[in-house]
N, C-alpha and C. Protein backbone atom coordinates (compact mmCIF):
# COMPACT_ATOMS: atom_id res chain seq x y z
N MET A 1 0.46 -0.85 -0.12
CA MET A 1 0.10 -0.03 -0.17
C MET A 1 0.68 1.07 0.27
N MET A 2 1.82 1.38 0.79
CA MET A 2 2.88 2.36 0.88
C MET A 2 3.47 2.34 0.17
N ARG A 3 4.20 1.28 -0.98
CA ARG A 3 4.58 1.70 -2.32
C ARG A 3 3.56 2.09 -3.03
N HIS A 4 2.35 1.90 -3.21
CA HIS A 4 1.42 2.64 -4.63
C HIS A 4 1.16 3.54 -3.89
N ALA A 5 1.21 4.27 -3.10
CA ALA A 5 0.97 5.75 -2.47
C ALA A 5 2.56 6.52 -2.81
N PHE A 6 3.31 6.04 -3.11
CA PHE A 6 4.56 6.57 -3.28
C PHE A 6 4.36 6.53 -4.55
N LEU A 7 4.21 5.55 -5.36
CA LEU A 7 4.35 5.90 -6.41
C LEU A 7 3.37 6.89 -7.17
N SER A 8 2.15 6.80 -6.73
CA SER A 8 0.91 7.62 -7.03
C SER A 8 1.78 8.90 -7.04
N LEU A 9 2.40 9.55 -5.79
CA LEU A 9 3.04 10.90 -5.36
C LEU A 9 3.86 10.93 -6.52
N LEU A 10 5.15 10.56 -6.85
CA LEU A 10 5.84 10.48 -7.64
C LEU A 10 5.18 10.99 -9.10
N ALA A 11 4.08 10.17 -9.67
CA ALA A 11 3.33 10.57 -11.12
C ALA A 11 3.36 11.88 -10.85
N VAL A 12 2.32 12.02 -10.01
CA VAL A 12 1.84 13.75 -9.67
C VAL A 12 2.96 14.59 -9.76
N PHE A 13 3.72 14.19 -9.28
CA PHE A 13 5.16 15.48 -9.12
C PHE A 13 5.32 15.21 -10.15
N THR A 14 5.79 14.27 -11.08
CA THR A 14 6.33 14.18 -12.19
C THR A 14 5.60 14.71 -13.17
N LEU A 15 4.11 14.71 -13.32
CA LEU A 15 2.97 15.26 -14.47
C LEU A 15 3.50 16.67 -13.86
N ASN A 16 3.63 17.48 -12.87
CA ASN A 16 3.20 18.80 -12.82
C ASN A 16 4.77 19.33 -12.91
N ALA A 17 5.76 18.63 -13.39
CA ALA A 17 7.24 18.72 -13.56
C ALA A 17 7.19 19.35 -14.75
N CYS A 18 6.36 18.10 -15.73
CA CYS A 18 6.20 18.28 -17.06
C CYS A 18 5.36 19.74 -17.00
N GLY A 19 4.36 20.09 -16.56
CA GLY A 19 3.52 21.06 -16.68
C GLY A 19 3.76 22.42 -16.81
N VAL A 20 5.00 22.49 -15.80
CA VAL A 20 5.76 23.67 -15.39
C VAL A 20 6.75 24.05 -16.45
N ALA A 21 7.52 22.59 -16.82
CA ALA A 21 8.96 22.81 -18.27
C ALA A 21 8.09 23.49 -19.88
N ASP A 22 6.36 23.28 -19.69
CA ASP A 22 5.93 23.00 -20.86
C ASP A 22 5.66 24.64 -20.47
N THR A 23 5.02 25.04 -19.29
CA THR A 23 4.90 26.54 -19.03
C THR A 23 5.88 27.50 -18.97
N ALA A 24 6.99 27.29 -18.77
CA ALA A 24 8.32 27.75 -18.94
C ALA A 24 8.79 27.80 -20.71
N THR A 25 8.71 26.66 -21.28
CA THR A 25 9.04 26.79 -22.55
C THR A 25 8.13 27.62 -23.33
N SER A 26 6.75 27.81 -23.21
CA SER A 26 5.85 28.26 -23.66
C SER A 26 6.23 29.89 -23.63
N ALA A 27 6.70 30.13 -22.18
CA ALA A 27 6.76 31.42 -21.62
C ALA A 27 7.70 31.94 -22.32
N ALA A 28 8.85 31.19 -22.68
CA ALA A 28 10.34 31.68 -23.47
C ALA A 28 10.00 31.91 -25.16
N THR A 29 9.24 30.69 -25.63
CA THR A 29 8.68 30.81 -27.09
C THR A 29 8.18 32.52 -27.37
N VAL A 30 7.24 32.69 -26.50
CA VAL A 30 6.50 33.55 -26.58
C VAL A 30 7.52 34.96 -26.32
N GLY A 31 8.10 34.97 -25.24
CA GLY A 31 9.09 36.08 -25.07
C GLY A 31 9.99 36.25 -26.54
N GLU A 32 10.41 35.13 -27.08
CA GLU A 32 11.53 35.05 -28.04
C GLU A 32 10.52 35.93 -29.14
N ALA A 33 9.49 35.43 -29.31
CA ALA A 33 8.69 35.87 -30.58
C ALA A 33 8.40 37.55 -30.34
N LYS A 34 8.19 38.15 -29.25
CA LYS A 34 7.90 39.28 -28.73
C LYS A 34 9.12 40.15 -29.03
N SER A 35 10.17 39.63 -28.30
CA SER A 35 11.60 40.54 -28.54
C SER A 35 11.70 40.46 -30.23
N ARG A 36 11.37 39.19 -30.94
CA ARG A 36 11.44 39.55 -32.51
C ARG A 36 10.82 40.88 -33.13
N GLU A 37 9.47 40.80 -32.65
CA GLU A 37 8.49 41.36 -33.44
C GLU A 37 8.83 43.26 -32.68
N ILE A 38 9.54 43.36 -31.93
CA ILE A 38 10.26 44.92 -31.12
C ILE A 38 11.14 45.13 -32.06
N GLU A 39 12.44 44.52 -32.61
CA GLU A 39 13.18 44.60 -33.00
C GLU A 39 12.84 44.73 -34.85
N GLN A 40 11.55 44.31 -35.34
CA GLN A 40 11.35 44.56 -36.63
C GLN A 40 10.46 46.01 -36.86
N ALA A 41 9.94 46.25 -35.26
CA ALA A 41 9.31 47.70 -35.43
C ALA A 41 10.24 48.89 -35.42
N ARG A 42 11.15 48.47 -34.52
CA ARG A 42 12.21 49.08 -34.57
C ARG A 42 13.06 49.93 -36.22
N ALA A 43 12.93 48.08 -36.51
CA ALA A 43 13.60 48.84 -38.17
C ALA A 43 12.69 49.28 -38.63
N ASN A 44 11.67 49.16 -38.20
CA ASN A 44 10.47 49.82 -39.41
C ASN A 44 10.72 51.03 -39.43
N THR A 45 10.34 51.73 -37.99
CA THR A 45 10.49 53.07 -37.48
C THR A 45 11.79 53.63 -37.88
N ALA A 46 12.78 53.18 -38.22
CA ALA A 46 14.17 53.53 -38.45
C ALA A 46 13.73 53.88 -39.98
N HIS A 47 13.09 52.92 -40.53
CA HIS A 47 13.50 53.06 -42.16
C HIS A 47 12.33 54.25 -42.78
N ILE A 48 11.07 54.29 -41.76
CA ILE A 48 10.28 55.50 -42.19
C ILE A 48 10.37 56.35 -41.53
N GLN A 49 11.47 56.87 -40.47
CA GLN A 49 12.01 58.02 -39.95
C GLN A 49 12.87 58.71 -41.23
N GLN A 50 13.90 57.15 -41.80
CA GLN A 50 14.86 57.74 -43.14
C GLN A 50 13.78 58.40 -44.14
N GLN A 51 12.62 57.81 -44.56
CA GLN A 51 12.17 58.35 -45.68
C GLN A 51 11.57 59.62 -45.19
N LEU A 52 10.98 60.10 -44.44
CA LEU A 52 10.55 61.34 -43.68
C LEU A 52 11.53 62.15 -43.90
N ASP A 53 12.93 61.77 -43.45
CA ASP A 53 14.28 62.97 -43.15
C ASP A 53 14.14 62.93 -44.88
N ALA A 54 14.47 62.10 -46.08
CA ALA A 54 14.64 62.40 -47.24
C ALA A 54 13.37 63.59 -47.88
N ALA A 55 12.31 62.93 -47.42
CA ALA A 55 11.10 63.79 -47.76
C ALA A 55 11.26 65.22 -47.65
N ASN A 56 11.39 65.36 -46.31
CA ASN A 56 12.11 67.00 -45.81
C ASN A 56 12.95 67.59 -46.71
N ALA A 57 14.15 67.07 -46.59
CA ALA A 57 14.81 67.42 -47.39
C ALA A 57 14.76 68.09 -48.79
N ARG A 58 13.75 66.71 -49.51
CA ARG A 58 13.50 67.64 -51.00
C ARG A 58 12.50 68.58 -50.98
N THR A 59 11.68 68.78 -49.80
CA THR A 59 11.24 69.90 -49.92
C THR A 59 11.75 71.21 -49.51
N MET A 60 12.89 71.20 -48.43
CA MET A 60 13.70 72.51 -48.59
C MET A 60 14.14 72.59 -49.75
N GLU A 61 14.87 71.69 -50.58
CA GLU A 61 15.20 72.19 -51.71
C GLU A 61 14.44 72.52 -52.61
N ARG A 62 13.30 72.38 -52.53
CA ARG A 62 12.24 73.13 -53.48
C ARG A 62 11.70 74.15 -52.77
N LEU A 63 11.71 74.89 -51.93
CA LEU A 63 11.31 75.75 -51.42
C LEU A 63 12.61 76.61 -51.33
N ASN A 64 14.12 76.30 -51.34
CA ASN A 64 15.21 77.32 -51.67
C ASN A 64 15.04 77.77 -52.77
N THR A 65 14.99 76.43 -53.92
CA THR A 65 14.69 76.85 -55.56
C THR A 65 13.64 78.05 -55.71
N VAL A 66 12.56 77.95 -55.42
CA VAL A 66 11.31 78.96 -55.52
C VAL A 66 11.76 80.07 -54.63
N ASP A 67 12.64 80.06 -53.69
CA ASP A 67 12.95 81.41 -53.20
C ASP A 67 14.09 81.86 -53.88
N ARG A 68 14.72 81.18 -54.62
CA ARG A 68 15.93 81.98 -55.44
C ARG A 68 15.31 82.52 -56.52
N GLN A 69 14.23 82.00 -57.17
CA GLN A 69 13.66 82.38 -58.53
C GLN A 69 13.31 83.80 -58.47
């Protein structure tokens, strides 16, 4: 009887450990995906800022050209 209780308890702890490991693995995977999303968003922001800077530079060139005429 004691052996049966011990094996049952061991099985419960083992299954709980698997659940904890699965949860930790899932959290790590989600964290990694979010990290990639953040890096992509930063890259997109930098690209858009470059485009805005270029557009502003072209606008300033046009204004300077108009002022000289």
